[in-house]
Amino acid sequence: MRFKATDIKEQGTGASGVNVVRVTEPDFIVGLDKIQEEEKEE
C-alpha cells in the first residue's frame, strides 16, 4: 500500500494519530517503510 503524506488531513494537537488501515486480529503488520521522494534535476 502506498500513499502520499499530502493525502492525509492535518490533525489538531488533540489528535492521537492517523488511521490509514485498521488491522484486527489475527492479522498484524510485519513492517513499515518511509519512502522519501527523490529530488528532480532540472
C-alpha atoms as a PDB file:
ATOM      1  CA  MET A   1       0.000   0.000   0.000  1.00  0.00           C
ATOM      2  CA  ARG A   2       1.437   3.379  -0.921  1.00  0.00           C
ATOM      3  CA  PHE A   3       0.046   6.867  -0.401  1.00  0.00           C
ATOM      4  CA  LYS A   4       1.391  10.409  -0.285  1.00  0.00           C
ATOM      5  CA  ALA A   5       1.700  12.177   3.055  1.00  0.00           C
ATOM      6  CA  THR A   6      -0.113  15.130   1.480  1.00  0.00           C
ATOM      7  CA  ASP A   7      -3.180  12.871   1.096  1.00  0.00           C
ATOM      8  CA  ILE A   8      -3.550  12.723   4.900  1.00  0.00           C
ATOM      9  CA  LYS A   9      -5.513  15.543   6.519  1.00  0.00           C
ATOM     10  CA  GLU A  10      -3.734  17.606   9.166  1.00  0.00           C
ATOM     11  CA  GLN A  11      -4.870  16.895  12.713  1.00  0.00           C
ATOM     12  CA  GLY A  12      -5.122  19.220  15.680  1.00  0.00           C
ATOM     13  CA  THR A  13      -2.955  18.970  18.792  1.00  0.00           C
ATOM     14  CA  GLY A  14      -5.508  16.697  20.460  1.00  0.00           C
ATOM     15  CA  ALA A  15      -5.252  14.071  17.727  1.00  0.00           C
ATOM     16  CA  SER A  16      -3.910  10.671  18.694  1.00  0.00           C
ATOM     17  CA  GLY A  17      -2.644   9.640  15.249  1.00  0.00           C
ATOM     18  CA  VAL A  18      -3.748   8.778  11.757  1.00  0.00           C
ATOM     19  CA  ASN A  19      -5.539   5.534  10.872  1.00  0.00           C
ATOM     20  CA  VAL A  20      -4.792   4.547   7.293  1.00  0.00           C
ATOM     21  CA  VAL A  21      -5.800   0.910   7.718  1.00  0.00           C
ATOM     22  CA  ARG A  22      -7.481  -0.732  10.680  1.00  0.00           C
ATOM     23  CA  VAL A  23      -5.722  -4.049  11.433  1.00  0.00           C
ATOM     24  CA  THR A  24      -7.564  -6.565  13.589  1.00  0.00           C
ATOM     25  CA  GLU A  25      -6.550  -9.987  14.892  1.00  0.00           C
ATOM     26  CA  PRO A  26      -5.450 -12.424  13.532  1.00  0.00           C
ATOM     27  CA  ASP A  27      -3.775 -10.002  11.067  1.00  0.00           C
ATOM     28  CA  PHE A  28      -0.736  -7.955  12.058  1.00  0.00           C
ATOM     29  CA  ILE A  29       1.773  -5.560  10.500  1.00  0.00           C
ATOM     30  CA  VAL A  30       5.200  -7.017   9.774  1.00  0.00           C
ATOM     31  CA  GLY A  31       6.964  -3.839   8.661  1.00  0.00           C
ATOM     32  CA  LEU A  32       6.627  -0.244   7.612  1.00  0.00           C
ATOM     33  CA  ASP A  33       8.937   1.890   5.469  1.00  0.00           C
ATOM     34  CA  LYS A  34       9.071   5.619   4.847  1.00  0.00           C
ATOM     35  CA  ILE A  35       9.957   6.395   1.238  1.00  0.00           C
ATOM     36  CA  GLN A  36      11.307   9.859   0.622  1.00  0.00           C
ATOM     37  CA  GLU A  37      10.540  11.452  -2.726  1.00  0.00           C
ATOM     38  CA  GLU A  38      13.579  11.927  -4.950  1.00  0.00           C
ATOM     39  CA  GLU A  39      14.547  15.442  -5.962  1.00  0.00           C
ATOM     40  CA  LYS A  40      14.080  16.160  -9.649  1.00  0.00           C
ATOM     41  CA  GLU A  41      17.040  17.500 -11.611  1.00  0.00           C
ATOM     42  CA  GLU A  42      16.257  20.442 -13.855  1.00  0.00           C
END
